[in-house]
Amino acid sequence: MEGLEGQFSPFRKSKNNSTKEKTMKMKTLLGLVVGAVLAVSAGTVWALPDLVPGANGSRAEWSVQFFQEPNHAPGATQCIVFTKTGTVLGEPKSGTWFSPSFAGWQGQWIQEGDHVRWYGSTSTRLGTAEFGALTSATFCTGEFAHFFTPSGGTSTAGSWQMIPLPLTG
């Protein structure tokens, strides 16, 4: 490699083969190996959690706390039961949900990576849309808008956070 004789490279032949240069080469190669191992293992370390772990038919219960506009004042806390069906818009991580703590509130959900969307309606002509991120297997947070149907006027809006609950049956 013409013109690179004065530059350090772990792959060039050493003219003086000094101990210092050999040590630098070894450290560089070790760093490259460690970096490669970390890059390969990162997929396992950073695996994204599932809103509903397991196969289709699996369920997960979450407690969701709402914070309403203005000023994100604490609102209702509800239980949501998610069931994985894998049938919503062809998404494998998708399914249906309902609330045992708010009669008639139900809908569908989709997870793509860490992005979670769940939406639906209540029996009282209220539409609901929640969008957010599943940041770990034990925490999900995002924003919501609840609106009157068919007019589309806003009922409430703000943010939410939820944590998993033990399945009750």
C-alpha atoms as a PDB file:
ATOM      1  CA  MET A   1       0.000   0.000   0.000  1.00  0.00           C
ATOM      2  CA  GLU A   2       1.962   2.843  -1.370  1.00  0.00           C
ATOM      3  CA  GLY A   3       2.009   6.078   0.579  1.00  0.00           C
ATOM      4  CA  LEU A   4       0.706   4.513   3.807  1.00  0.00           C
ATOM      5  CA  GLU A   5       4.023   3.381   5.237  1.00  0.00           C
ATOM      6  CA  GLY A   6       3.984   6.002   7.987  1.00  0.00           C
ATOM      7  CA  GLN A   7       0.433   5.295   9.130  1.00  0.00           C
ATOM      8  CA  PHE A   8      -0.522   2.718  11.718  1.00  0.00           C
ATOM      9  CA  SER A   9      -2.333  -0.317  10.312  1.00  0.00           C
ATOM     10  CA  PRO A  10      -2.776  -3.665  12.027  1.00  0.00           C
ATOM     11  CA  PHE A  11      -2.371  -5.283   8.607  1.00  0.00           C
ATOM     12  CA  ARG A  12       0.868  -3.739   7.310  1.00  0.00           C
ATOM     13  CA  LYS A  13       4.232  -5.353   7.793  1.00  0.00           C
ATOM     14  CA  SER A  14       6.318  -3.767  10.479  1.00  0.00           C
ATOM     15  CA  LYS A  15       9.819  -2.659   9.593  1.00  0.00           C
ATOM     16  CA  ASN A  16      11.143  -2.771  13.120  1.00  0.00           C
ATOM     17  CA  ASN A  17       8.658  -5.237  14.696  1.00  0.00           C
ATOM     18  CA  SER A  18       8.794  -3.354  17.998  1.00  0.00           C
ATOM     19  CA  THR A  19       6.987  -4.636  21.076  1.00  0.00           C
ATOM     20  CA  LYS A  20       5.022  -1.399  21.274  1.00  0.00           C
ATOM     21  CA  GLU A  21       3.756  -1.789  17.707  1.00  0.00           C
ATOM     22  CA  LYS A  22       2.847  -5.463  18.289  1.00  0.00           C
ATOM     23  CA  THR A  23       0.917  -4.465  21.415  1.00  0.00           C
ATOM     24  CA  MET A  24      -0.959  -1.768  19.492  1.00  0.00           C
ATOM     25  CA  LYS A  25      -1.828  -4.282  16.749  1.00  0.00           C
ATOM     26  CA  MET A  26      -3.109  -6.780  19.304  1.00  0.00           C
ATOM     27  CA  LYS A  27      -5.238  -4.146  21.060  1.00  0.00           C
ATOM     28  CA  THR A  28      -6.716  -3.028  17.747  1.00  0.00           C
ATOM     29  CA  LEU A  29      -7.530  -6.585  16.687  1.00  0.00           C
ATOM     30  CA  LEU A  30      -8.959  -7.349  20.127  1.00  0.00           C
ATOM     31  CA  GLY A  31     -11.156  -4.253  19.876  1.00  0.00           C
ATOM     32  CA  LEU A  32     -12.406  -5.340  16.459  1.00  0.00           C
ATOM     33  CA  VAL A  33     -13.217  -8.841  17.737  1.00  0.00           C
ATOM     34  CA  VAL A  34     -15.017  -7.522  20.832  1.00  0.00           C
ATOM     35  CA  GLY A  35     -16.976  -5.055  18.684  1.00  0.00           C
ATOM     36  CA  ALA A  36     -18.035  -7.823  16.308  1.00  0.00           C
ATOM     37  CA  VAL A  37     -19.159 -10.067  19.183  1.00  0.00           C
ATOM     38  CA  LEU A  38     -21.161  -7.224  20.731  1.00  0.00           C
ATOM     39  CA  ALA A  39     -22.787  -6.364  17.406  1.00  0.00           C
ATOM     40  CA  VAL A  40     -23.852  -9.975  16.826  1.00  0.00           C
ATOM     41  CA  SER A  41     -25.189 -10.396  20.360  1.00  0.00           C
ATOM     42  CA  ALA A  42     -27.029  -7.038  20.359  1.00  0.00           C
ATOM     43  CA  GLY A  43     -30.030  -8.601  18.634  1.00  0.00           C
ATOM     44  CA  THR A  44     -30.507 -10.903  21.606  1.00  0.00           C
ATOM     45  CA  VAL A  45     -29.802  -8.253  24.218  1.00  0.00           C
ATOM     46  CA  TRP A  46     -32.088  -5.665  22.616  1.00  0.00           C
ATOM     47  CA  ALA A  47     -34.936  -7.994  21.662  1.00  0.00           C
ATOM     48  CA  LEU A  48     -38.200  -6.061  21.727  1.00  0.00           C
ATOM     49  CA  PRO A  49     -40.819  -7.170  24.246  1.00  0.00           C
ATOM     50  CA  ASP A  50     -44.309  -8.270  23.216  1.00  0.00           C
ATOM     51  CA  LEU A  51     -47.479  -6.595  24.455  1.00  0.00           C
ATOM     52  CA  VAL A  52     -48.942 -10.108  24.529  1.00  0.00           C
ATOM     53  CA  PRO A  53     -46.184 -12.737  24.784  1.00  0.00           C
ATOM     54  CA  GLY A  54     -46.877 -16.180  23.391  1.00  0.00           C
ATOM     55  CA  ALA A  55     -48.788 -17.695  20.500  1.00  0.00           C
ATOM     56  CA  ASN A  56     -52.112 -16.602  19.060  1.00  0.00           C
ATOM     57  CA  GLY A  57     -54.812 -17.031  21.692  1.00  0.00           C
ATOM     58  CA  SER A  58     -52.492 -15.745  24.453  1.00  0.00           C
ATOM     59  CA  ARG A  59     -53.768 -12.970  26.721  1.00  0.00           C
ATOM     60  CA  ALA A  60     -52.183 -10.207  28.792  1.00  0.00           C
ATOM     61  CA  GLU A  61     -53.815  -7.842  31.295  1.00  0.00           C
ATOM     62  CA  TRP A  62     -52.520  -4.304  31.746  1.00  0.00           C
ATOM     63  CA  SER A  63     -53.455  -1.438  34.063  1.00  0.00           C
ATOM     64  CA  VAL A  64     -53.639   1.859  32.149  1.00  0.00           C
ATOM     65  CA  GLN A  65     -53.538   5.276  33.855  1.00  0.00           C
ATOM     66  CA  PHE A  66     -54.739   8.283  31.832  1.00  0.00           C
ATOM     67  CA  PHE A  67     -53.507  11.868  32.209  1.00  0.00           C
ATOM     68  CA  GLN A  68     -55.883  14.397  30.671  1.00  0.00           C
ATOM     69  CA  GLU A  69     -55.438  17.772  29.045  1.00  0.00           C
ATOM     70  CA  PRO A  70     -54.983  20.448  30.101  1.00  0.00           C
ATOM     71  CA  ASN A  71     -51.880  19.983  32.238  1.00  0.00           C
ATOM     72  CA  HIS A  72     -52.034  16.172  32.107  1.00  0.00           C
ATOM     73  CA  ALA A  73     -54.164  15.911  35.257  1.00  0.00           C
ATOM     74  CA  PRO A  74     -54.567  12.312  36.484  1.00  0.00           C
ATOM     75  CA  GLY A  75     -57.684  10.707  35.042  1.00  0.00           C
ATOM     76  CA  ALA A  76     -59.168   7.235  35.171  1.00  0.00           C
ATOM     77  CA  THR A  77     -57.253   3.994  35.684  1.00  0.00           C
ATOM     78  CA  GLN A  78     -58.671   1.016  33.785  1.00  0.00           C
ATOM     79  CA  CYS A  79     -57.870  -2.644  33.227  1.00  0.00           C
ATOM     80  CA  ILE A  80     -57.318  -3.713  29.616  1.00  0.00           C
ATOM     81  CA  VAL A  81     -57.215  -7.358  28.495  1.00  0.00           C
ATOM     82  CA  PHE A  82     -55.321  -7.868  25.225  1.00  0.00           C
ATOM     83  CA  THR A  83     -55.720 -11.112  23.243  1.00  0.00           C
ATOM     84  CA  LYS A  84     -53.282 -11.995  20.453  1.00  0.00           C
ATOM     85  CA  THR A  85     -54.997 -13.169  17.247  1.00  0.00           C
ATOM     86  CA  GLY A  86     -52.477 -12.177  14.578  1.00  0.00           C
ATOM     87  CA  THR A  87     -55.388 -11.255  12.306  1.00  0.00           C
ATOM     88  CA  VAL A  88     -55.425  -7.429  12.263  1.00  0.00           C
ATOM     89  CA  LEU A  89     -54.183  -6.056   8.920  1.00  0.00           C
ATOM     90  CA  GLY A  90     -51.866  -9.060   8.514  1.00  0.00           C
ATOM     91  CA  GLU A  91     -49.771  -8.050  11.536  1.00  0.00           C
ATOM     92  CA  PRO A  92     -48.557 -11.101  13.525  1.00  0.00           C
ATOM     93  CA  LYS A  93     -48.469  -9.054  16.748  1.00  0.00           C
ATOM     94  CA  SER A  94     -52.088  -7.939  16.774  1.00  0.00           C
ATOM     95  CA  GLY A  95     -55.468  -8.813  18.156  1.00  0.00           C
ATOM     96  CA  THR A  96     -58.442  -7.645  20.154  1.00  0.00           C
ATOM     97  CA  TRP A  97     -58.848  -5.971  23.535  1.00  0.00           C
ATOM     98  CA  PHE A  98     -61.602  -5.157  26.011  1.00  0.00           C
ATOM     99  CA  SER A  99     -61.902  -3.511  29.406  1.00  0.00           C
ATOM    100  CA  PRO A 100     -63.471  -5.475  32.267  1.00  0.00           C
ATOM    101  CA  SER A 101     -63.454  -2.237  34.318  1.00  0.00           C
ATOM    102  CA  PHE A 102     -65.289  -0.082  31.702  1.00  0.00           C
ATOM    103  CA  ALA A 103     -68.264  -1.989  30.307  1.00  0.00           C
ATOM    104  CA  GLY A 104     -68.529  -1.972  26.509  1.00  0.00           C
ATOM    105  CA  TRP A 105     -65.049  -0.537  25.850  1.00  0.00           C
ATOM    106  CA  GLN A 106     -63.300  -2.717  23.251  1.00  0.00           C
ATOM    107  CA  GLY A 107     -61.353  -2.748  20.024  1.00  0.00           C
ATOM    108  CA  GLN A 108     -58.260  -3.953  18.198  1.00  0.00           C
ATOM    109  CA  TRP A 109     -54.504  -3.522  18.694  1.00  0.00           C
ATOM    110  CA  ILE A 110     -51.319  -3.737  16.608  1.00  0.00           C
ATOM    111  CA  GLN A 111     -47.660  -3.853  17.654  1.00  0.00           C
ATOM    112  CA  GLU A 112     -44.849  -3.071  15.197  1.00  0.00           C
ATOM    113  CA  GLY A 113     -41.448  -3.141  16.884  1.00  0.00           C
ATOM    114  CA  ASP A 114     -41.872  -1.064  20.036  1.00  0.00           C
ATOM    115  CA  HIS A 115     -44.798   0.939  18.562  1.00  0.00           C
ATOM    116  CA  VAL A 116     -48.204  -0.037  19.991  1.00  0.00           C
ATOM    117  CA  ARG A 117     -51.600   1.161  18.741  1.00  0.00           C
ATOM    118  CA  TRP A 118     -54.904   0.237  20.341  1.00  0.00           C
ATOM    119  CA  TYR A 119     -58.196   1.732  19.305  1.00  0.00           C
ATOM    120  CA  GLY A 120     -61.893   1.037  19.489  1.00  0.00           C
ATOM    121  CA  SER A 121     -65.125   2.324  20.918  1.00  0.00           C
ATOM    122  CA  THR A 122     -67.512   2.202  23.836  1.00  0.00           C
ATOM    123  CA  SER A 123     -71.155   1.244  23.820  1.00  0.00           C
ATOM    124  CA  THR A 124     -71.988   4.936  24.377  1.00  0.00           C
ATOM    125  CA  ARG A 125     -70.790   6.121  20.934  1.00  0.00           C
ATOM    126  CA  LEU A 126     -67.340   7.169  22.061  1.00  0.00           C
ATOM    127  CA  GLY A 127     -64.317   6.445  19.825  1.00  0.00           C
ATOM    128  CA  THR A 128     -60.881   5.848  21.307  1.00  0.00           C
ATOM    129  CA  ALA A 129     -57.334   5.859  19.886  1.00  0.00           C
ATOM    130  CA  GLU A 130     -54.183   5.174  21.900  1.00  0.00           C
ATOM    131  CA  PHE A 131     -50.694   5.247  20.377  1.00  0.00           C
ATOM    132  CA  GLY A 132     -47.406   4.687  22.153  1.00  0.00           C
ATOM    133  CA  ALA A 133     -44.237   2.724  22.808  1.00  0.00           C
ATOM    134  CA  LEU A 134     -43.650  -0.509  24.682  1.00  0.00           C
ATOM    135  CA  THR A 135     -40.363   0.493  26.307  1.00  0.00           C
ATOM    136  CA  SER A 136     -39.935  -2.765  28.259  1.00  0.00           C
ATOM    137  CA  ALA A 137     -41.885  -5.895  29.127  1.00  0.00           C
ATOM    138  CA  THR A 138     -43.269  -3.974  32.124  1.00  0.00           C
ATOM    139  CA  PHE A 139     -43.974  -0.456  30.813  1.00  0.00           C
ATOM    140  CA  CYS A 140     -45.865   1.080  27.900  1.00  0.00           C
ATOM    141  CA  THR A 141     -46.683   4.773  27.439  1.00  0.00           C
ATOM    142  CA  GLY A 142     -48.123   7.115  24.838  1.00  0.00           C
ATOM    143  CA  GLU A 143     -50.831   9.593  23.855  1.00  0.00           C
ATOM    144  CA  PHE A 144     -54.575   9.249  23.376  1.00  0.00           C
ATOM    145  CA  ALA A 145     -57.643  10.930  21.922  1.00  0.00           C
ATOM    146  CA  HIS A 146     -61.223   9.997  22.803  1.00  0.00           C
ATOM    147  CA  PHE A 147     -63.908  11.427  20.563  1.00  0.00           C
ATOM    148  CA  PHE A 148     -67.649  11.416  20.036  1.00  0.00           C
ATOM    149  CA  THR A 149     -69.006   9.422  17.110  1.00  0.00           C
ATOM    150  CA  PRO A 150     -70.150  10.227  14.515  1.00  0.00           C
ATOM    151  CA  SER A 151     -69.360  13.950  15.025  1.00  0.00           C
ATOM    152  CA  GLY A 152     -65.654  13.457  15.794  1.00  0.00           C
ATOM    153  CA  GLY A 153     -65.687  16.107  18.547  1.00  0.00           C
ATOM    154  CA  THR A 154     -63.068  15.604  21.258  1.00  0.00           C
ATOM    155  CA  SER A 155     -64.168  14.003  24.521  1.00  0.00           C
ATOM    156  CA  THR A 156     -60.732  13.844  26.208  1.00  0.00           C
ATOM    157  CA  ALA A 157     -57.093  13.780  25.120  1.00  0.00           C
ATOM    158  CA  GLY A 158     -53.717  13.479  26.804  1.00  0.00           C
ATOM    159  CA  SER A 159     -51.180  10.812  27.695  1.00  0.00           C
ATOM    160  CA  TRP A 160     -51.265   7.358  29.262  1.00  0.00           C
ATOM    161  CA  GLN A 161     -49.007   4.772  30.806  1.00  0.00           C
ATOM    162  CA  MET A 162     -49.618   1.127  31.567  1.00  0.00           C
ATOM    163  CA  ILE A 163     -48.074  -1.738  33.453  1.00  0.00           C
ATOM    164  CA  PRO A 164     -48.856  -5.467  33.231  1.00  0.00           C
ATOM    165  CA  LEU A 165     -51.127  -7.175  35.738  1.00  0.00           C
ATOM    166  CA  PRO A 166     -51.209 -10.848  36.701  1.00  0.00           C
ATOM    167  CA  LEU A 167     -53.835 -12.687  34.642  1.00  0.00           C
ATOM    168  CA  THR A 168     -57.069 -13.121  36.592  1.00  0.00           C
ATOM    169  CA  GLY A 169     -58.522 -15.890  34.495  1.00  0.00           C
END
